[in-house]
Amino acid sequence: SVEFDGPEFDRAYVKFSEGTNKGKTLLIGEGYPKESPVNSSGPQQVLAKIRNEIKAGNPVTWSW
């Protein structure tokens, strides 16, 4: 699973639930993935999509 954290949800942590990394939490690397004007999966675009879902009233679950 992926959990977003920070005052602007600008940090993402991956929690492994199976395999050799089961139980480990990993901060997705600083500066990676790089923001790109031609790629719709950059960090700022992902955050914008999440914010749009929240504004639209769609359920978004956060786990702290």
PDB file of N, CA and C in Angstrom:
ATOM      1  N   SER A   1       0.843  -1.173   0.000  1.00  0.00           N
ATOM      2  CA  SER A   1       0.000   0.000   0.000  1.00  0.00           C
ATOM      3  C   SER A   1       0.892   1.242   0.000  1.00  0.00           C
ATOM      4  N   VAL A   2       0.305   2.365  -0.365  1.00  0.00           N
ATOM      5  CA  VAL A   2       1.026   3.636  -0.363  1.00  0.00           C
ATOM      6  C   VAL A   2       0.289   4.580   0.560  1.00  0.00           C
ATOM      7  N   GLU A   3       1.019   5.230   1.440  1.00  0.00           N
ATOM      8  CA  GLU A   3       0.438   6.206   2.355  1.00  0.00           C
ATOM      9  C   GLU A   3       1.107   7.553   2.126  1.00  0.00           C
ATOM     10  N   PHE A   4       0.290   8.591   2.030  1.00  0.00           N
ATOM     11  CA  PHE A   4       0.804   9.945   1.864  1.00  0.00           C
ATOM     12  C   PHE A   4       0.841  10.609   3.225  1.00  0.00           C
ATOM     13  N   ASP A   5       1.875  11.416   3.459  1.00  0.00           N
ATOM     14  CA  ASP A   5       2.077  12.059   4.748  1.00  0.00           C
ATOM     15  C   ASP A   5       2.652  13.445   4.521  1.00  0.00           C
ATOM     16  N   GLY A   6       2.675  14.230   5.551  1.00  0.00           N
ATOM     17  CA  GLY A   6       3.227  15.570   5.488  1.00  0.00           C
ATOM     18  C   GLY A   6       2.115  16.603   5.428  1.00  0.00           C
ATOM     19  N   PRO A   7       2.438  17.857   5.698  1.00  0.00           N
ATOM     20  CA  PRO A   7       1.420  18.898   5.748  1.00  0.00           C
ATOM     21  C   PRO A   7       0.697  19.086   4.416  1.00  0.00           C
ATOM     22  N   GLU A   8       1.339  18.772   3.321  1.00  0.00           N
ATOM     23  CA  GLU A   8       0.700  18.888   2.007  1.00  0.00           C
ATOM     24  C   GLU A   8       0.654  17.530   1.306  1.00  0.00           C
ATOM     25  N   PHE A   9       0.722  16.462   2.078  1.00  0.00           N
ATOM     26  CA  PHE A   9       0.744  15.097   1.548  1.00  0.00           C
ATOM     27  C   PHE A   9       1.838  14.961   0.487  1.00  0.00           C
ATOM     28  N   ASP A  10       3.007  15.519   0.775  1.00  0.00           N
ATOM     29  CA  ASP A  10       4.095  15.542  -0.186  1.00  0.00           C
ATOM     30  C   ASP A  10       5.129  14.437   0.026  1.00  0.00           C
ATOM     31  N   ARG A  11       4.857  13.543   0.958  1.00  0.00           N
ATOM     32  CA  ARG A  11       5.727  12.381   1.162  1.00  0.00           C
ATOM     33  C   ARG A  11       4.891  11.129   0.982  1.00  0.00           C
ATOM     34  N   ALA A  12       5.457  10.146   0.315  1.00  0.00           N
ATOM     35  CA  ALA A  12       4.740   8.894   0.099  1.00  0.00           C
ATOM     36  C   ALA A  12       5.580   7.735   0.625  1.00  0.00           C
ATOM     37  N   TYR A  13       4.920   6.867   1.372  1.00  0.00           N
ATOM     38  CA  TYR A  13       5.569   5.688   1.939  1.00  0.00           C
ATOM     39  C   TYR A  13       4.926   4.440   1.365  1.00  0.00           C
ATOM     40  N   VAL A  14       5.755   3.487   0.987  1.00  0.00           N
ATOM     41  CA  VAL A  14       5.269   2.195   0.510  1.00  0.00           C
ATOM     42  C   VAL A  14       5.359   1.227   1.679  1.00  0.00           C
ATOM     43  N   LYS A  15       4.260   0.518   1.955  1.00  0.00           N
ATOM     44  CA  LYS A  15       4.259  -0.519   2.988  1.00  0.00           C
ATOM     45  C   LYS A  15       4.070  -1.860   2.290  1.00  0.00           C
ATOM     46  N   PHE A  16       5.052  -2.728   2.475  1.00  0.00           N
ATOM     47  CA  PHE A  16       5.010  -4.041   1.837  1.00  0.00           C
ATOM     48  C   PHE A  16       4.195  -5.006   2.692  1.00  0.00           C
ATOM     49  N   SER A  17       3.279  -5.716   2.060  1.00  0.00           N
ATOM     50  CA  SER A  17       2.427  -6.647   2.803  1.00  0.00           C
ATOM     51  C   SER A  17       2.735  -8.105   2.483  1.00  0.00           C
ATOM     52  N   GLU A  18       3.653  -8.334   1.557  1.00  0.00           N
ATOM     53  CA  GLU A  18       4.019  -9.717   1.238  1.00  0.00           C
ATOM     54  C   GLU A  18       5.420  -9.751   0.651  1.00  0.00           C
ATOM     55  N   GLY A  19       5.933 -10.938   0.461  1.00  0.00           N
ATOM     56  CA  GLY A  19       7.262 -11.106  -0.120  1.00  0.00           C
ATOM     57  C   GLY A  19       8.373 -10.941   0.895  1.00  0.00           C
ATOM     58  N   THR A  20       9.596 -10.819   0.392  1.00  0.00           N
ATOM     59  CA  THR A  20      10.758 -10.739   1.281  1.00  0.00           C
ATOM     60  C   THR A  20      10.820  -9.424   2.044  1.00  0.00           C
ATOM     61  N   ASN A  21      10.102  -8.400   1.585  1.00  0.00           N
ATOM     62  CA  ASN A  21      10.097  -7.109   2.272  1.00  0.00           C
ATOM     63  C   ASN A  21       8.879  -6.919   3.160  1.00  0.00           C
ATOM     64  N   LYS A  22       8.135  -7.993   3.427  1.00  0.00           N
ATOM     65  CA  LYS A  22       6.907  -7.903   4.208  1.00  0.00           C
ATOM     66  C   LYS A  22       7.151  -7.185   5.535  1.00  0.00           C
ATOM     67  N   GLY A  23       6.290  -6.212   5.824  1.00  0.00           N
ATOM     68  CA  GLY A  23       6.385  -5.464   7.062  1.00  0.00           C
ATOM     69  C   GLY A  23       7.284  -4.237   6.998  1.00  0.00           C
ATOM     70  N   LYS A  24       8.028  -4.081   5.914  1.00  0.00           N
ATOM     71  CA  LYS A  24       8.930  -2.938   5.790  1.00  0.00           C
ATOM     72  C   LYS A  24       8.188  -1.725   5.230  1.00  0.00           C
ATOM     73  N   THR A  25       8.633  -0.542   5.649  1.00  0.00           N
ATOM     74  CA  THR A  25       8.112   0.712   5.133  1.00  0.00           C
ATOM     75  C   THR A  25       9.251   1.449   4.456  1.00  0.00           C
ATOM     76  N   LEU A  26       8.993   1.975   3.275  1.00  0.00           N
ATOM     77  CA  LEU A  26      10.024   2.633   2.490  1.00  0.00           C
ATOM     78  C   LEU A  26       9.518   3.987   2.029  1.00  0.00           C
ATOM     79  N   LEU A  27      10.274   5.038   2.315  1.00  0.00           N
ATOM     80  CA  LEU A  27       9.953   6.366   1.810  1.00  0.00           C
ATOM     81  C   LEU A  27      10.323   6.392   0.341  1.00  0.00           C
ATOM     82  N   ILE A  28       9.359   6.758  -0.504  1.00  0.00           N
ATOM     83  CA  ILE A  28       9.657   6.851  -1.926  1.00  0.00           C
ATOM     84  C   ILE A  28      10.682   7.963  -2.092  1.00  0.00           C
ATOM     85  N   GLY A  29      11.736   7.677  -2.820  1.00  0.00           N
ATOM     86  CA  GLY A  29      12.917   8.525  -2.904  1.00  0.00           C
ATOM     87  C   GLY A  29      12.674  10.003  -3.144  1.00  0.00           C
ATOM     88  N   GLU A  30      13.465  10.815  -2.467  1.00  0.00           N
ATOM     89  CA  GLU A  30      13.377  12.251  -2.642  1.00  0.00           C
ATOM     90  C   GLU A  30      13.757  12.602  -4.072  1.00  0.00           C
ATOM     91  N   GLY A  31      12.934  13.428  -4.693  1.00  0.00           N
ATOM     92  CA  GLY A  31      13.225  13.871  -6.049  1.00  0.00           C
ATOM     93  C   GLY A  31      12.924  12.830  -7.109  1.00  0.00           C
ATOM     94  N   TYR A  32      12.358  11.709  -6.717  1.00  0.00           N
ATOM     95  CA  TYR A  32      12.033  10.677  -7.701  1.00  0.00           C
ATOM     96  C   TYR A  32      10.621  10.212  -7.448  1.00  0.00           C
ATOM     97  N   PRO A  33       9.796  10.095  -8.400  1.00  0.00           N
ATOM     98  CA  PRO A  33      10.074  10.368  -9.810  1.00  0.00           C
ATOM     99  C   PRO A  33      10.149  11.859 -10.084  1.00  0.00           C
ATOM    100  N   LYS A  34      10.880  12.199 -11.086  1.00  0.00           N
ATOM    101  CA  LYS A  34      11.053  13.601 -11.459  1.00  0.00           C
ATOM    102  C   LYS A  34       9.762  14.122 -12.092  1.00  0.00           C
ATOM    103  N   GLU A  35       9.477  15.389 -11.852  1.00  0.00           N
ATOM    104  CA  GLU A  35       8.326  16.029 -12.481  1.00  0.00           C
ATOM    105  C   GLU A  35       8.625  16.215 -13.962  1.00  0.00           C
ATOM    106  N   SER A  36       7.637  15.930 -14.795  1.00  0.00           N
ATOM    107  CA  SER A  36       7.820  16.045 -16.235  1.00  0.00           C
ATOM    108  C   SER A  36       6.573  16.643 -16.862  1.00  0.00           C
ATOM    109  N   PRO A  37       6.727  17.582 -17.788  1.00  0.00           N
ATOM    110  CA  PRO A  37       5.549  18.171 -18.431  1.00  0.00           C
ATOM    111  C   PRO A  37       4.833  17.205 -19.371  1.00  0.00           C
ATOM    112  N   VAL A  38       5.472  16.120 -19.770  1.00  0.00           N
ATOM    113  CA  VAL A  38       4.847  15.174 -20.698  1.00  0.00           C
ATOM    114  C   VAL A  38       4.384  13.887 -20.017  1.00  0.00           C
ATOM    115  N   ASN A  39       4.652  13.753 -18.727  1.00  0.00           N
ATOM    116  CA  ASN A  39       4.287  12.546 -18.004  1.00  0.00           C
ATOM    117  C   ASN A  39       3.209  12.891 -16.978  1.00  0.00           C
ATOM    118  N   SER A  40       2.080  12.200 -17.031  1.00  0.00           N
ATOM    119  CA  SER A  40       0.969  12.525 -16.127  1.00  0.00           C
ATOM    120  C   SER A  40       1.074  11.827 -14.776  1.00  0.00           C
ATOM    121  N   SER A  41       2.188  11.158 -14.498  1.00  0.00           N
ATOM    122  CA  SER A  41       2.318  10.470 -13.216  1.00  0.00           C
ATOM    123  C   SER A  41       3.392  11.081 -12.325  1.00  0.00           C
ATOM    124  N   GLY A  42       3.774  12.317 -12.581  1.00  0.00           N
ATOM    125  CA  GLY A  42       4.737  13.005 -11.726  1.00  0.00           C
ATOM    126  C   GLY A  42       4.113  13.315 -10.377  1.00  0.00           C
ATOM    127  N   PRO A  43       4.919  13.592  -9.373  1.00  0.00           N
ATOM    128  CA  PRO A  43       4.414  13.808  -8.012  1.00  0.00           C
ATOM    129  C   PRO A  43       3.351  14.901  -7.912  1.00  0.00           C
ATOM    130  N   GLN A  44       3.567  16.036  -8.558  1.00  0.00           N
ATOM    131  CA  GLN A  44       2.602  17.123  -8.452  1.00  0.00           C
ATOM    132  C   GLN A  44       1.283  16.781  -9.145  1.00  0.00           C
ATOM    133  N   GLN A  45       1.354  16.049 -10.257  1.00  0.00           N
ATOM    134  CA  GLN A  45       0.129  15.662 -10.947  1.00  0.00           C
ATOM    135  C   GLN A  45      -0.657  14.632 -10.141  1.00  0.00           C
ATOM    136  N   VAL A  46       0.040  13.729  -9.466  1.00  0.00           N
ATOM    137  CA  VAL A  46      -0.638  12.749  -8.617  1.00  0.00           C
ATOM    138  C   VAL A  46      -1.329  13.466  -7.457  1.00  0.00           C
ATOM    139  N   LEU A  47      -0.630  14.404  -6.831  1.00  0.00           N
ATOM    140  CA  LEU A  47      -1.242  15.170  -5.742  1.00  0.00           C
ATOM    141  C   LEU A  47      -2.453  15.958  -6.242  1.00  0.00           C
ATOM    142  N   ALA A  48      -2.364  16.535  -7.429  1.00  0.00           N
ATOM    143  CA  ALA A  48      -3.493  17.284  -7.994  1.00  0.00           C
ATOM    144  C   ALA A  48      -4.691  16.375  -8.220  1.00  0.00           C
ATOM    145  N   LYS A  49      -4.446  15.157  -8.688  1.00  0.00           N
ATOM    146  CA  LYS A  49      -5.542  14.204  -8.900  1.00  0.00           C
ATOM    147  C   LYS A  49      -6.207  13.841  -7.575  1.00  0.00           C
ATOM    148  N   ILE A  50      -5.402  13.640  -6.541  1.00  0.00           N
ATOM    149  CA  ILE A  50      -5.955  13.315  -5.223  1.00  0.00           C
ATOM    150  C   ILE A  50      -6.786  14.493  -4.702  1.00  0.00           C
ATOM    151  N   ARG A  51      -6.256  15.707  -4.831  1.00  0.00           N
ATOM    152  CA  ARG A  51      -7.006  16.892  -4.385  1.00  0.00           C
ATOM    153  C   ARG A  51      -8.317  17.033  -5.140  1.00  0.00           C
ATOM    154  N   ASN A  52      -8.311  16.742  -6.444  1.00  0.00           N
ATOM    155  CA  ASN A  52      -9.545  16.812  -7.232  1.00  0.00           C
ATOM    156  C   ASN A  52     -10.564  15.794  -6.745  1.00  0.00           C
ATOM    157  N   GLU A  53     -10.107  14.605  -6.372  1.00  0.00           N
ATOM    158  CA  GLU A  53     -11.015  13.583  -5.850  1.00  0.00           C
ATOM    159  C   GLU A  53     -11.652  14.055  -4.537  1.00  0.00           C
ATOM    160  N   ILE A  54     -10.842  14.686  -3.692  1.00  0.00           N
ATOM    161  CA  ILE A  54     -11.352  15.190  -2.417  1.00  0.00           C
ATOM    162  C   ILE A  54     -12.368  16.298  -2.666  1.00  0.00           C
ATOM    163  N   LYS A  55     -12.039  17.237  -3.559  1.00  0.00           N
ATOM    164  CA  LYS A  55     -12.949  18.340  -3.873  1.00  0.00           C
ATOM    165  C   LYS A  55     -14.259  17.835  -4.469  1.00  0.00           C
ATOM    166  N   ALA A  56     -14.196  16.758  -5.235  1.00  0.00           N
ATOM    167  CA  ALA A  56     -15.391  16.194  -5.863  1.00  0.00           C
ATOM    168  C   ALA A  56     -16.246  15.422  -4.871  1.00  0.00           C
ATOM    169  N   GLY A  57     -15.749  15.263  -3.654  1.00  0.00           N
ATOM    170  CA  GLY A  57     -16.514  14.556  -2.631  1.00  0.00           C
ATOM    171  C   GLY A  57     -16.362  13.046  -2.679  1.00  0.00           C
ATOM    172  N   ASN A  58     -15.404  12.575  -3.458  1.00  0.00           N
ATOM    173  CA  ASN A  58     -15.171  11.133  -3.520  1.00  0.00           C
ATOM    174  C   ASN A  58     -14.413  10.683  -2.280  1.00  0.00           C
ATOM    175  N   PRO A  59     -14.727   9.504  -1.777  1.00  0.00           N
ATOM    176  CA  PRO A  59     -14.067   9.045  -0.552  1.00  0.00           C
ATOM    177  C   PRO A  59     -12.579   8.772  -0.763  1.00  0.00           C
ATOM    178  N   VAL A  60     -11.772   9.338   0.101  1.00  0.00           N
ATOM    179  CA  VAL A  60     -10.332   9.114   0.088  1.00  0.00           C
ATOM    180  C   VAL A  60      -9.962   8.711   1.502  1.00  0.00           C
ATOM    181  N   THR A  61      -9.246   7.611   1.642  1.00  0.00           N
ATOM    182  CA  THR A  61      -8.884   7.113   2.963  1.00  0.00           C
ATOM    183  C   THR A  61      -7.413   7.389   3.247  1.00  0.00           C
ATOM    184  N   TRP A  62      -7.177   7.957   4.420  1.00  0.00           N
ATOM    185  CA  TRP A  62      -5.809   8.208   4.866  1.00  0.00           C
ATOM    186  C   TRP A  62      -5.546   7.355   6.096  1.00  0.00           C
ATOM    187  N   SER A  63      -4.380   6.784   6.150  1.00  0.00           N
ATOM    188  CA  SER A  63      -4.008   5.967   7.302  1.00  0.00           C
ATOM    189  C   SER A  63      -2.775   6.589   7.936  1.00  0.00           C
ATOM    190  N   TRP A  64      -2.855   6.964   9.206  1.00  0.00           N
ATOM    191  CA  TRP A  64      -1.742   7.624   9.878  1.00  0.00           C
ATOM    192  C   TRP A  64      -1.019   6.677  10.772  1.00  0.00           C
TER     193      TRP A  64
END
